[in-house]
PDB file of N, CA and C in Angstrom:
ATOM      1  N   VAL A   1     -16.386  11.412  13.638  1.00  0.00           N
ATOM      2  CA  VAL A   1     -14.687  11.307  13.937  1.00  0.00           C
ATOM      3  C   VAL A   1     -14.213  12.522  13.451  1.00  0.00           C
ATOM      4  N   SER A   2     -13.108  12.722  14.570  1.00  0.00           N
ATOM      5  CA  SER A   2     -12.431  13.869  14.455  1.00  0.00           C
ATOM      6  C   SER A   2     -10.925  13.263  14.622  1.00  0.00           C
ATOM      7  N   TYR A   3      -9.996  14.383  13.783  1.00  0.00           N
ATOM      8  CA  TYR A   3      -8.815  14.099  13.362  1.00  0.00           C
ATOM      9  C   TYR A   3      -7.831  14.919  14.261  1.00  0.00           C
ATOM     10  N   THR A   4      -6.654  14.483  14.499  1.00  0.00           N
ATOM     11  CA  THR A   4      -5.608  15.421  14.932  1.00  0.00           C
ATOM     12  C   THR A   4      -4.360  14.768  14.373  1.00  0.00           C
ATOM     13  N   PHE A   5      -3.228  15.522  14.707  1.00  0.00           N
ATOM     14  CA  PHE A   5      -2.135  15.014  14.517  1.00  0.00           C
ATOM     15  C   PHE A   5      -1.375  14.262  15.837  1.00  0.00           C
ATOM     16  N   LYS A   6      -0.781  13.229  16.230  1.00  0.00           N
ATOM     17  CA  LYS A   6      -0.516  12.707  17.224  1.00  0.00           C
ATOM     18  C   LYS A   6       0.581  13.596  18.111  1.00  0.00           C
ATOM     19  N   GLY A   7       0.472  14.295  19.175  1.00  0.00           N
ATOM     20  CA  GLY A   7       1.482  14.936  19.913  1.00  0.00           C
ATOM     21  C   GLY A   7       1.911  16.078  18.930  1.00  0.00           C
ATOM     22  N   GLY A   8       0.954  16.685  18.224  1.00  0.00           N
ATOM     23  CA  GLY A   8       1.664  17.895  17.923  1.00  0.00           C
ATOM     24  C   GLY A   8       2.775  17.601  16.339  1.00  0.00           C
ATOM     25  N   ASN A   9       2.511  16.199  16.208  1.00  0.00           N
ATOM     26  CA  ASN A   9       3.662  15.801  14.872  1.00  0.00           C
ATOM     27  C   ASN A   9       3.195  16.290  13.828  1.00  0.00           C
ATOM     28  N   ASP A  10       3.229  17.418  13.685  1.00  0.00           N
ATOM     29  CA  ASP A  10       2.707  18.061  11.980  1.00  0.00           C
ATOM     30  C   ASP A  10       4.004  18.825  11.178  1.00  0.00           C
ATOM     31  N   GLY A  11       4.821  18.266  11.088  1.00  0.00           N
ATOM     32  CA  GLY A  11       5.977  18.571  10.676  1.00  0.00           C
ATOM     33  C   GLY A  11       6.317  19.795  10.811  1.00  0.00           C
ATOM     34  N   ASP A  12       6.643  20.213  12.702  1.00  0.00           N
ATOM     35  CA  ASP A  12       7.117  21.421  12.727  1.00  0.00           C
ATOM     36  C   ASP A  12       6.017  22.657  12.187  1.00  0.00           C
ATOM     37  N   GLY A  13       4.990  22.219  12.071  1.00  0.00           N
ATOM     38  CA  GLY A  13       3.772  23.380  11.795  1.00  0.00           C
ATOM     39  C   GLY A  13       3.639  23.674  10.287  1.00  0.00           C
ATOM     40  N   ASP A  14       4.417  22.602   9.514  1.00  0.00           N
ATOM     41  CA  ASP A  14       4.147  22.812   8.136  1.00  0.00           C
ATOM     42  C   ASP A  14       2.891  22.474   7.523  1.00  0.00           C
ATOM     43  N   PHE A  15       2.252  21.424   7.942  1.00  0.00           N
ATOM     44  CA  PHE A  15       0.892  21.004   7.741  1.00  0.00           C
ATOM     45  C   PHE A  15      -0.025  21.098   8.983  1.00  0.00           C
ATOM     46  N   MET A  16      -1.436  21.295   8.559  1.00  0.00           N
ATOM     47  CA  MET A  16      -2.128  20.667   9.417  1.00  0.00           C
ATOM     48  C   MET A  16      -3.341  19.945   9.241  1.00  0.00           C
ATOM     49  N   ILE A  17      -4.173  19.689   9.906  1.00  0.00           N
ATOM     50  CA  ILE A  17      -5.445  18.876   9.419  1.00  0.00           C
ATOM     51  C   ILE A  17      -6.820  19.277   9.985  1.00  0.00           C
ATOM     52  N   GLU A  18      -7.320  19.277   9.150  1.00  0.00           N
ATOM     53  CA  GLU A  18      -9.093  19.971   9.435  1.00  0.00           C
ATOM     54  C   GLU A  18      -9.544  18.914  10.649  1.00  0.00           C
ATOM     55  N   PRO A  19      -9.764  19.016  11.546  1.00  0.00           N
ATOM     56  CA  PRO A  19     -10.363  18.262  12.560  1.00  0.00           C
ATOM     57  C   PRO A  19     -11.689  17.255  12.233  1.00  0.00           C
ATOM     58  N   TYR A  20     -12.445  17.792  11.380  1.00  0.00           N
ATOM     59  CA  TYR A  20     -13.817  17.127  11.148  1.00  0.00           C
ATOM     60  C   TYR A  20     -13.846  16.701   9.668  1.00  0.00           C
ATOM     61  N   SER A  21     -12.651  16.724   8.743  1.00  0.00           N
ATOM     62  CA  SER A  21     -12.792  15.940   7.279  1.00  0.00           C
ATOM     63  C   SER A  21     -11.755  15.165   7.537  1.00  0.00           C
ATOM     64  N   GLY A  22     -10.341  15.441   8.168  1.00  0.00           N
ATOM     65  CA  GLY A  22      -9.482  14.494   7.779  1.00  0.00           C
ATOM     66  C   GLY A  22      -8.405  15.307   6.685  1.00  0.00           C
ATOM     67  N   ILE A  23      -8.843  16.313   6.046  1.00  0.00           N
ATOM     68  CA  ILE A  23      -8.074  16.968   4.969  1.00  0.00           C
ATOM     69  C   ILE A  23      -6.775  17.376   5.684  1.00  0.00           C
ATOM     70  N   ILE A  24      -5.652  17.168   4.730  1.00  0.00           N
ATOM     71  CA  ILE A  24      -4.311  17.743   5.416  1.00  0.00           C
ATOM     72  C   ILE A  24      -3.833  18.647   4.405  1.00  0.00           C
ATOM     73  N   ARG A  25      -3.419  19.814   4.860  1.00  0.00           N
ATOM     74  CA  ARG A  25      -2.967  21.038   4.311  1.00  0.00           C
ATOM     75  C   ARG A  25      -1.713  21.392   4.727  1.00  0.00           C
ATOM     76  N   THR A  26      -0.950  22.291   3.758  1.00  0.00           N
ATOM     77  CA  THR A  26      -0.034  22.953   3.981  1.00  0.00           C
ATOM     78  C   THR A  26      -0.306  24.237   4.963  1.00  0.00           C
ATOM     79  N   ASN A  27       0.445  24.748   5.733  1.00  0.00           N
ATOM     80  CA  ASN A  27       0.537  25.816   6.488  1.00  0.00           C
ATOM     81  C   ASN A  27       1.513  26.747   5.921  1.00  0.00           C
ATOM     82  N   ARG A  28       2.560  26.570   5.093  1.00  0.00           N
ATOM     83  CA  ARG A  28       3.630  27.426   4.480  1.00  0.00           C
ATOM     84  C   ARG A  28       4.073  26.618   3.391  1.00  0.00           C
ATOM     85  N   LYS A  29       4.512  27.288   2.594  1.00  0.00           N
ATOM     86  CA  LYS A  29       5.215  26.816   1.253  1.00  0.00           C
ATOM     87  C   LYS A  29       6.624  26.069   1.770  1.00  0.00           C
ATOM     88  N   LEU A  30       6.668  24.697   1.142  1.00  0.00           N
ATOM     89  CA  LEU A  30       7.556  23.993   1.197  1.00  0.00           C
ATOM     90  C   LEU A  30       8.591  23.901   0.413  1.00  0.00           C
ATOM     91  N   ASP A  31       9.991  23.545   0.805  1.00  0.00           N
ATOM     92  CA  ASP A  31      11.008  23.393   0.291  1.00  0.00           C
ATOM     93  C   ASP A  31      11.787  22.503   0.263  1.00  0.00           C
ATOM     94  N   ARG A  32      11.739  21.468  -0.823  1.00  0.00           N
ATOM     95  CA  ARG A  32      12.717  20.334  -0.893  1.00  0.00           C
ATOM     96  C   ARG A  32      13.996  20.390  -0.722  1.00  0.00           C
ATOM     97  N   GLU A  33      14.719  21.386  -1.000  1.00  0.00           N
ATOM     98  CA  GLU A  33      15.953  21.438  -0.515  1.00  0.00           C
ATOM     99  C   GLU A  33      16.369  21.725   0.792  1.00  0.00           C
ATOM    100  N   ASN A  34      15.541  22.162   1.755  1.00  0.00           N
ATOM    101  CA  ASN A  34      15.516  22.135   3.332  1.00  0.00           C
ATOM    102  C   ASN A  34      15.122  20.924   3.627  1.00  0.00           C
ATOM    103  N   ILE A  35      13.538  20.251   3.585  1.00  0.00           N
ATOM    104  CA  ILE A  35      13.030  19.121   4.066  1.00  0.00           C
ATOM    105  C   ILE A  35      12.401  18.287   2.786  1.00  0.00           C
ATOM    106  N   ALA A  36      12.932  17.311   2.554  1.00  0.00           N
ATOM    107  CA  ALA A  36      12.419  16.327   1.444  1.00  0.00           C
ATOM    108  C   ALA A  36      11.350  15.319   1.561  1.00  0.00           C
ATOM    109  N   ASP A  37      11.419  14.957   2.963  1.00  0.00           N
ATOM    110  CA  ASP A  37      10.449  14.076   3.659  1.00  0.00           C
ATOM    111  C   ASP A  37      10.020  14.515   5.024  1.00  0.00           C
ATOM    112  N   TYR A  38       8.505  14.147   5.431  1.00  0.00           N
ATOM    113  CA  TYR A  38       7.933  14.243   6.533  1.00  0.00           C
ATOM    114  C   TYR A  38       7.450  12.819   6.629  1.00  0.00           C
ATOM    115  N   ASN A  39       7.465  12.563   8.076  1.00  0.00           N
ATOM    116  CA  ASN A  39       6.693  11.475   8.479  1.00  0.00           C
ATOM    117  C   ASN A  39       5.934  11.891   9.768  1.00  0.00           C
ATOM    118  N   LEU A  40       4.684  12.240   9.604  1.00  0.00           N
ATOM    119  CA  LEU A  40       3.658  12.450  10.478  1.00  0.00           C
ATOM    120  C   LEU A  40       2.724  11.349  10.893  1.00  0.00           C
ATOM    121  N   LYS A  41       2.151  11.564  12.061  1.00  0.00           N
ATOM    122  CA  LYS A  41       1.259  10.463  12.927  1.00  0.00           C
ATOM    123  C   LYS A  41      -0.239  11.381  12.995  1.00  0.00           C
ATOM    124  N   ALA A  42      -0.953  10.481  12.769  1.00  0.00           N
ATOM    125  CA  ALA A  42      -2.405  11.309  12.583  1.00  0.00           C
ATOM    126  C   ALA A  42      -3.295  10.441  13.814  1.00  0.00           C
ATOM    127  N   PHE A  43      -4.312  11.011  14.309  1.00  0.00           N
ATOM    128  CA  PHE A  43      -5.253  10.063  14.952  1.00  0.00           C
ATOM    129  C   PHE A  43      -6.737  10.351  14.332  1.00  0.00           C
ATOM    130  N   ALA A  44      -7.606   9.628  14.657  1.00  0.00           N
ATOM    131  CA  ALA A  44      -9.160   9.345  14.291  1.00  0.00           C
ATOM    132  C   ALA A  44      -9.766   9.243  15.408  1.00  0.00           C
ATOM    133  N   VAL A  45     -10.577   9.887  16.085  1.00  0.00           N
ATOM    134  CA  VAL A  45     -11.335   9.661  17.549  1.00  0.00           C
ATOM    135  C   VAL A  45     -12.771   9.575  17.042  1.00  0.00           C
ATOM    136  N   ASP A  46     -13.503   8.640  17.593  1.00  0.00           N
ATOM    137  CA  ASP A  46     -14.749   8.598  17.325  1.00  0.00           C
ATOM    138  C   ASP A  46     -15.599   9.135  18.620  1.00  0.00           C
ATOM    139  N   ARG A  47     -17.167   9.474  18.395  1.00  0.00           N
ATOM    140  CA  ARG A  47     -17.930   9.971  19.445  1.00  0.00           C
ATOM    141  C   ARG A  47     -18.246   9.071  20.336  1.00  0.00           C
ATOM    142  N   GLY A  48     -18.149   7.978  20.475  1.00  0.00           N
ATOM    143  CA  GLY A  48     -18.593   6.990  21.190  1.00  0.00           C
ATOM    144  C   GLY A  48     -18.418   7.046  22.695  1.00  0.00           C
ATOM    145  N   VAL A  49     -18.760   5.905  23.454  1.00  0.00           N
ATOM    146  CA  VAL A  49     -18.750   6.013  25.010  1.00  0.00           C
ATOM    147  C   VAL A  49     -18.473   4.729  25.128  1.00  0.00           C
ATOM    148  N   PRO A  50     -17.128   4.381  25.602  1.00  0.00           N
ATOM    149  CA  PRO A  50     -15.927   5.253  25.605  1.00  0.00           C
ATOM    150  C   PRO A  50     -15.507   5.586  24.068  1.00  0.00           C
ATOM    151  N   PRO A  51     -14.718   6.689  23.839  1.00  0.00           N
ATOM    152  CA  PRO A  51     -14.395   6.745  22.530  1.00  0.00           C
ATOM    153  C   PRO A  51     -13.341   6.000  21.938  1.00  0.00           C
ATOM    154  N   LEU A  52     -13.261   5.659  20.919  1.00  0.00           N
ATOM    155  CA  LEU A  52     -12.421   4.556  19.972  1.00  0.00           C
ATOM    156  C   LEU A  52     -11.291   5.709  19.031  1.00  0.00           C
ATOM    157  N   LYS A  53     -10.332   5.018  19.337  1.00  0.00           N
ATOM    158  CA  LYS A  53      -9.039   5.807  18.350  1.00  0.00           C
ATOM    159  C   LYS A  53      -8.359   5.070  17.465  1.00  0.00           C
ATOM    160  N   ALA A  54      -7.829   5.380  16.277  1.00  0.00           N
ATOM    161  CA  ALA A  54      -7.051   4.769  15.470  1.00  0.00           C
ATOM    162  C   ALA A  54      -5.876   5.759  15.000  1.00  0.00           C
ATOM    163  N   GLU A  55      -4.818   5.316  15.014  1.00  0.00           N
ATOM    164  CA  GLU A  55      -3.563   5.818  14.621  1.00  0.00           C
ATOM    165  C   GLU A  55      -2.903   5.410  13.429  1.00  0.00           C
ATOM    166  N   VAL A  56      -2.489   6.406  12.401  1.00  0.00           N
ATOM    167  CA  VAL A  56      -1.837   6.112  11.450  1.00  0.00           C
ATOM    168  C   VAL A  56      -0.602   6.698  10.681  1.00  0.00           C
ATOM    169  N   SER A  57       0.169   6.240  10.097  1.00  0.00           N
ATOM    170  CA  SER A  57       1.645   6.815   9.810  1.00  0.00           C
ATOM    171  C   SER A  57       1.375   7.719   8.449  1.00  0.00           C
ATOM    172  N   ILE A  58       1.720   8.844   8.412  1.00  0.00           N
ATOM    173  CA  ILE A  58       1.701   9.303   7.002  1.00  0.00           C
ATOM    174  C   ILE A  58       3.073   9.832   6.538  1.00  0.00           C
ATOM    175  N   HIS A  59       3.636   9.442   5.481  1.00  0.00           N
ATOM    176  CA  HIS A  59       4.764   9.726   4.936  1.00  0.00           C
ATOM    177  C   HIS A  59       4.333  10.943   3.672  1.00  0.00           C
ATOM    178  N   ILE A  60       5.010  12.093   3.485  1.00  0.00           N
ATOM    179  CA  ILE A  60       4.772  12.825   2.601  1.00  0.00           C
ATOM    180  C   ILE A  60       6.132  13.184   2.078  1.00  0.00           C
ATOM    181  N   THR A  61       6.124  12.834   0.662  1.00  0.00           N
ATOM    182  CA  THR A  61       7.525  13.551   0.105  1.00  0.00           C
ATOM    183  C   THR A  61       7.162  14.749  -1.103  1.00  0.00           C
ATOM    184  N   VAL A  62       8.087  15.536  -0.700  1.00  0.00           N
ATOM    185  CA  VAL A  62       8.061  16.998  -1.751  1.00  0.00           C
ATOM    186  C   VAL A  62       8.690  16.751  -2.974  1.00  0.00           C
ATOM    187  N   GLN A  63       7.957  16.917  -3.864  1.00  0.00           N
ATOM    188  CA  GLN A  63       8.268  16.716  -5.190  1.00  0.00           C
ATOM    189  C   GLN A  63       9.216  17.916  -5.658  1.00  0.00           C
ATOM    190  N   ASP A  64      10.172  17.706  -5.833  1.00  0.00           N
ATOM    191  CA  ASP A  64      11.193  18.767  -6.519  1.00  0.00           C
ATOM    192  C   ASP A  64      10.780  19.523  -7.896  1.00  0.00           C
ATOM    193  N   ILE A  65      10.819  20.792  -7.714  1.00  0.00           N
ATOM    194  CA  ILE A  65      10.522  21.764  -9.206  1.00  0.00           C
ATOM    195  C   ILE A  65      12.151  22.247  -9.282  1.00  0.00           C
ATOM    196  N   ASN A  66      12.059  22.913 -10.465  1.00  0.00           N
ATOM    197  CA  ASN A  66      13.523  23.363 -11.061  1.00  0.00           C
ATOM    198  C   ASN A  66      13.492  24.836 -10.686  1.00  0.00           C
ATOM    199  N   ASP A  67      13.663  25.095  -9.216  1.00  0.00           N
ATOM    200  CA  ASP A  67      13.653  26.558  -8.776  1.00  0.00           C
ATOM    201  C   ASP A  67      15.260  26.971  -8.386  1.00  0.00           C
ATOM    202  N   ASN A  68      16.188  26.398  -8.714  1.00  0.00           N
ATOM    203  CA  ASN A  68      17.424  26.899  -8.543  1.00  0.00           C
ATOM    204  C   ASN A  68      18.451  26.826  -9.550  1.00  0.00           C
ATOM    205  N   ALA A  69      18.895  27.727 -10.142  1.00  0.00           N
ATOM    206  CA  ALA A  69      19.787  27.332 -11.362  1.00  0.00           C
ATOM    207  C   ALA A  69      21.029  27.223 -10.788  1.00  0.00           C
ATOM    208  N   PRO A  70      22.009  26.419 -12.029  1.00  0.00           N
ATOM    209  CA  PRO A  70      23.362  26.058 -11.691  1.00  0.00           C
ATOM    210  C   PRO A  70      24.202  26.975 -11.100  1.00  0.00           C
ATOM    211  N   VAL A  71      25.179  26.550 -10.256  1.00  0.00           N
ATOM    212  CA  VAL A  71      26.171  27.705  -9.442  1.00  0.00           C
ATOM    213  C   VAL A  71      27.345  27.049 -10.146  1.00  0.00           C
ATOM    214  N   PHE A  72      28.247  27.943 -10.536  1.00  0.00           N
ATOM    215  CA  PHE A  72      29.933  27.504 -10.665  1.00  0.00           C
ATOM    216  C   PHE A  72      30.619  27.775  -9.472  1.00  0.00           C
ATOM    217  N   ASP A  73      31.627  26.930  -9.073  1.00  0.00           N
ATOM    218  CA  ASP A  73      32.473  26.836  -8.203  1.00  0.00           C
ATOM    219  C   ASP A  73      33.188  28.034  -7.927  1.00  0.00           C
ATOM    220  N   LYS A  74      33.410  28.989  -9.145  1.00  0.00           N
ATOM    221  CA  LYS A  74      33.719  30.152  -9.114  1.00  0.00           C
ATOM    222  C   LYS A  74      33.373  31.049  -9.958  1.00  0.00           C
ATOM    223  N   ASP A  75      33.242  32.223  -9.566  1.00  0.00           N
ATOM    224  CA  ASP A  75      32.725  33.444 -10.191  1.00  0.00           C
ATOM    225  C   ASP A  75      33.427  33.709 -11.742  1.00  0.00           C
ATOM    226  N   GLU A  76      34.802  33.131 -11.958  1.00  0.00           N
ATOM    227  CA  GLU A  76      35.528  33.510 -13.335  1.00  0.00           C
ATOM    228  C   GLU A  76      36.516  32.592 -13.178  1.00  0.00           C
ATOM    229  N   PHE A  77      36.601  32.387 -14.394  1.00  0.00           N
ATOM    230  CA  PHE A  77      37.764  31.326 -14.567  1.00  0.00           C
ATOM    231  C   PHE A  77      38.997  32.045 -15.319  1.00  0.00           C
ATOM    232  N   SER A  78      40.285  31.823 -15.242  1.00  0.00           N
ATOM    233  CA  SER A  78      41.167  32.399 -16.213  1.00  0.00           C
ATOM    234  C   SER A  78      42.062  31.314 -16.359  1.00  0.00           C
ATOM    235  N   ILE A  79      42.299  30.754 -17.744  1.00  0.00           N
ATOM    236  CA  ILE A  79      42.974  29.509 -18.033  1.00  0.00           C
ATOM    237  C   ILE A  79      44.082  29.957 -19.005  1.00  0.00           C
ATOM    238  N   ASP A  80      45.148  29.580 -18.889  1.00  0.00           N
ATOM    239  CA  ASP A  80      46.481  29.753 -19.706  1.00  0.00           C
ATOM    240  C   ASP A  80      46.512  28.346 -20.404  1.00  0.00           C
ATOM    241  N   VAL A  81      46.846  28.714 -21.734  1.00  0.00           N
ATOM    242  CA  VAL A  81      47.260  27.514 -22.853  1.00  0.00           C
ATOM    243  C   VAL A  81      48.218  27.839 -23.712  1.00  0.00           C
ATOM    244  N   GLU A  82      49.183  26.738 -23.462  1.00  0.00           N
ATOM    245  CA  GLU A  82      50.324  26.660 -24.265  1.00  0.00           C
ATOM    246  C   GLU A  82      49.986  26.924 -25.870  1.00  0.00           C
ATOM    247  N   GLU A  83      50.725  27.589 -26.505  1.00  0.00           N
ATOM    248  CA  GLU A  83      50.664  27.836 -27.806  1.00  0.00           C
ATOM    249  C   GLU A  83      50.928  26.542 -28.421  1.00  0.00           C
ATOM    250  N   ASN A  84      50.633  26.422 -29.686  1.00  0.00           N
ATOM    251  CA  ASN A  84      50.632  24.932 -30.387  1.00  0.00           C
ATOM    252  C   ASN A  84      50.507  23.818 -29.466  1.00  0.00           C
ATOM    253  N   SER A  85      49.622  23.908 -28.574  1.00  0.00           N
ATOM    254  CA  SER A  85      49.394  22.696 -27.921  1.00  0.00           C
ATOM    255  C   SER A  85      48.459  21.540 -28.788  1.00  0.00           C
ATOM    256  N   GLU A  86      48.759  20.209 -28.399  1.00  0.00           N
ATOM    257  CA  GLU A  86      47.899  19.401 -29.472  1.00  0.00           C
ATOM    258  C   GLU A  86      46.601  19.506 -29.437  1.00  0.00           C
ATOM    259  N   VAL A  87      45.861  19.268 -30.396  1.00  0.00           N
ATOM    260  CA  VAL A  87      44.605  19.292 -30.823  1.00  0.00           C
ATOM    261  C   VAL A  87      43.876  18.582 -29.806  1.00  0.00           C
ATOM    262  N   GLY A  88      43.128  18.684 -29.143  1.00  0.00           N
ATOM    263  CA  GLY A  88      41.822  17.813 -27.965  1.00  0.00           C
ATOM    264  C   GLY A  88      42.711  18.145 -26.596  1.00  0.00           C
ATOM    265  N   SER A  89      43.909  18.810 -26.453  1.00  0.00           N
ATOM    266  CA  SER A  89      44.100  18.797 -25.133  1.00  0.00           C
ATOM    267  C   SER A  89      43.334  19.266 -24.002  1.00  0.00           C
ATOM    268  N   VAL A  90      43.420  18.835 -23.087  1.00  0.00           N
ATOM    269  CA  VAL A  90      42.527  19.664 -22.161  1.00  0.00           C
ATOM    270  C   VAL A  90      43.070  20.895 -21.465  1.00  0.00           C
ATOM    271  N   VAL A  91      42.000  21.918 -21.471  1.00  0.00           N
ATOM    272  CA  VAL A  91      42.436  23.306 -20.966  1.00  0.00           C
ATOM    273  C   VAL A  91      42.059  23.436 -19.767  1.00  0.00           C
ATOM    274  N   ALA A  92      40.852  22.948 -19.281  1.00  0.00           N
ATOM    275  CA  ALA A  92      40.133  23.107 -18.177  1.00  0.00           C
ATOM    276  C   ALA A  92      39.178  22.101 -17.835  1.00  0.00           C
ATOM    277  N   HIS A  93      38.744  22.000 -16.495  1.00  0.00           N
ATOM    278  CA  HIS A  93      37.643  21.317 -16.150  1.00  0.00           C
ATOM    279  C   HIS A  93      36.596  22.045 -15.187  1.00  0.00           C
ATOM    280  N   ILE A  94      35.888  22.691 -15.749  1.00  0.00           N
ATOM    281  CA  ILE A  94      34.763  23.541 -15.014  1.00  0.00           C
ATOM    282  C   ILE A  94      33.878  22.501 -14.308  1.00  0.00           C
ATOM    283  N   VAL A  95      33.218  22.894 -12.987  1.00  0.00           N
ATOM    284  CA  VAL A  95      32.134  22.537 -12.092  1.00  0.00           C
ATOM    285  C   VAL A  95      31.115  23.351 -11.829  1.00  0.00           C
ATOM    286  N   ALA A  96      29.867  23.091 -12.033  1.00  0.00           N
ATOM    287  CA  ALA A  96      28.666  23.647 -11.720  1.00  0.00           C
ATOM    288  C   ALA A  96      27.813  22.704 -10.877  1.00  0.00           C
ATOM    289  N   THR A  97      27.157  23.183  -9.797  1.00  0.00           N
ATOM    290  CA  THR A  97      26.321  22.308  -9.006  1.00  0.00           C
ATOM    291  C   THR A  97      24.969  22.779  -9.026  1.00  0.00           C
ATOM    292  N   ASP A  98      24.036  21.789  -9.008  1.00  0.00           N
ATOM    293  CA  ASP A  98      22.674  22.395  -8.914  1.00  0.00           C
ATOM    294  C   ASP A  98      21.513  21.533  -7.742  1.00  0.00           C
ATOM    295  N   PRO A  99      21.326  22.395  -6.514  1.00  0.00           N
ATOM    296  CA  PRO A  99      20.752  21.692  -5.983  1.00  0.00           C
ATOM    297  C   PRO A  99      19.346  20.943  -5.946  1.00  0.00           C
ATOM    298  N   ASP A 100      18.535  21.248  -6.988  1.00  0.00           N
ATOM    299  CA  ASP A 100      17.709  20.438  -7.654  1.00  0.00           C
ATOM    300  C   ASP A 100      17.965  19.250  -8.285  1.00  0.00           C
ATOM    301  N   GLU A 101      16.868  18.315  -8.154  1.00  0.00           N
ATOM    302  CA  GLU A 101      17.140  16.967  -8.762  1.00  0.00           C
ATOM    303  C   GLU A 101      17.040  16.869 -10.143  1.00  0.00           C
ATOM    304  N   GLY A 102      17.770  16.321 -10.878  1.00  0.00           N
ATOM    305  CA  GLY A 102      17.622  16.251 -12.088  1.00  0.00           C
ATOM    306  C   GLY A 102      18.162  17.258 -12.903  1.00  0.00           C
TER     307      GLY A 102
END
Protein backbone atom coordinates (compact mmCIF):
# COMPACT_ATOMS: atom_id res chain seq x y z
CA VAL A 1 0.00 0.00 0.00
CA SER A 2 1.23 3.53 -0.77
CA TYR A 3 -0.05 6.77 0.70
CA THR A 4 -0.45 10.32 -0.63
CA PHE A 5 -2.33 13.45 0.26
CA LYS A 6 -5.29 13.96 -2.06
CA GLY A 7 -4.62 16.65 -4.65
CA GLY A 8 -1.69 18.04 -2.69
CA ASN A 9 -3.97 18.70 0.30
CA ASP A 10 -1.05 18.78 2.73
CA GLY A 11 -1.86 21.90 4.76
CA ASP A 12 -0.02 24.21 2.35
CA GLY A 13 3.14 22.20 2.79
CA ASP A 14 2.98 22.07 6.61
CA PHE A 15 2.72 18.25 6.52
CA MET A 16 4.10 15.34 4.52
CA ILE A 17 3.08 11.70 4.39
CA GLU A 18 5.66 8.95 4.01
CA PRO A 19 4.49 7.05 0.92
CA TYR A 20 5.20 3.51 2.17
CA SER A 21 4.57 3.80 5.92
CA GLY A 22 1.68 6.28 6.06
CA ILE A 23 3.46 8.24 8.79
CA ILE A 24 2.46 11.90 8.71
CA ARG A 25 5.13 14.38 9.75
CA THR A 26 5.39 18.15 10.06
CA ASN A 27 7.47 19.94 7.42
CA ARG A 28 7.97 23.06 9.55
CA LYS A 29 7.15 24.46 12.96
CA LEU A 30 3.44 25.03 13.49
CA ASP A 31 1.97 28.11 15.17
CA ARG A 32 -1.54 27.82 16.60
CA GLU A 33 -1.93 31.59 16.54
CA ASN A 34 -1.63 31.45 12.71
CA ILE A 35 -3.41 28.16 11.95
CA ALA A 36 -5.17 26.24 14.71
CA ASP A 37 -6.77 23.44 12.67
CA TYR A 38 -5.96 21.53 9.50
CA ASN A 39 -8.30 19.39 7.42
CA LEU A 40 -6.36 17.03 5.17
CA LYS A 41 -7.35 14.17 2.86
CA ALA A 42 -5.15 11.15 2.27
CA PHE A 43 -5.29 8.25 -0.18
CA ALA A 44 -4.11 4.69 0.28
CA VAL A 45 -3.55 2.79 -2.98
CA ASP A 46 -2.80 -0.93 -3.21
CA ARG A 47 -0.59 -2.66 -5.78
CA GLY A 48 -3.33 -4.83 -7.25
CA VAL A 49 -4.50 -4.90 -10.87
CA PRO A 50 -6.45 -2.77 -11.13
CA PRO A 51 -5.18 -0.78 -8.14
CA LEU A 52 -7.83 0.00 -5.53
CA LYS A 53 -7.81 3.07 -3.35
CA ALA A 54 -9.36 4.43 -0.19
CA GLU A 55 -9.71 8.02 0.99
CA VAL A 56 -9.70 9.32 4.56
CA SER A 57 -10.26 12.75 6.09
CA ILE A 58 -7.70 13.81 8.69
CA HIS A 59 -8.37 16.60 11.17
CA ILE A 60 -5.32 17.97 12.98
CA THR A 61 -5.65 20.41 15.89
CA VAL A 62 -2.54 22.33 16.90
CA GLN A 63 -2.32 22.38 20.70
CA ASP A 64 -1.41 25.75 22.15
CA ILE A 65 1.65 26.35 24.28
CA ASN A 66 2.25 29.46 26.33
CA ASP A 67 4.66 31.13 23.89
CA ASN A 68 3.31 34.70 23.97
CA ALA A 69 3.46 37.14 26.87
CA PRO A 70 0.44 39.32 27.63
CA VAL A 71 0.49 42.76 26.00
CA PHE A 72 -1.09 45.90 27.46
CA ASP A 73 -3.09 48.09 25.10
CA LYS A 74 -0.76 51.01 25.99
CA ASP A 75 2.96 51.20 26.80
CA GLU A 76 2.34 53.50 29.77
CA PHE A 77 -0.62 54.71 31.81
CA SER A 78 -0.82 58.15 33.39
CA ILE A 79 -3.60 58.39 35.96
CA ASP A 80 -4.82 61.36 37.96
CA VAL A 81 -6.63 60.76 41.25
CA GLU A 82 -8.38 63.47 43.23
CA GLU A 83 -7.12 63.86 46.75
CA ASN A 84 -9.49 62.70 49.47
CA SER A 85 -11.19 60.29 47.03
CA GLU A 86 -13.44 57.77 48.72
CA VAL A 87 -11.77 54.52 49.67
CA GLY A 88 -12.47 51.99 46.93
CA SER A 89 -12.81 54.61 44.19
CA VAL A 90 -11.99 53.28 40.72
CA VAL A 91 -8.86 55.00 39.45
CA ALA A 92 -8.29 53.04 36.23
CA HIS A 93 -9.16 49.98 34.20
CA ILE A 94 -6.10 48.55 32.48
CA VAL A 95 -6.38 45.82 29.84
CA ALA A 96 -3.87 43.28 28.56
CA THR A 97 -4.46 40.63 25.89
CA ASP A 98 -2.73 37.32 25.29
CA PRO A 99 -3.10 35.42 22.00
CA ASP A 100 -2.43 32.11 23.78
CA GLU A 101 -5.31 30.05 25.10
CA GLY A 102 -5.73 30.04 28.86
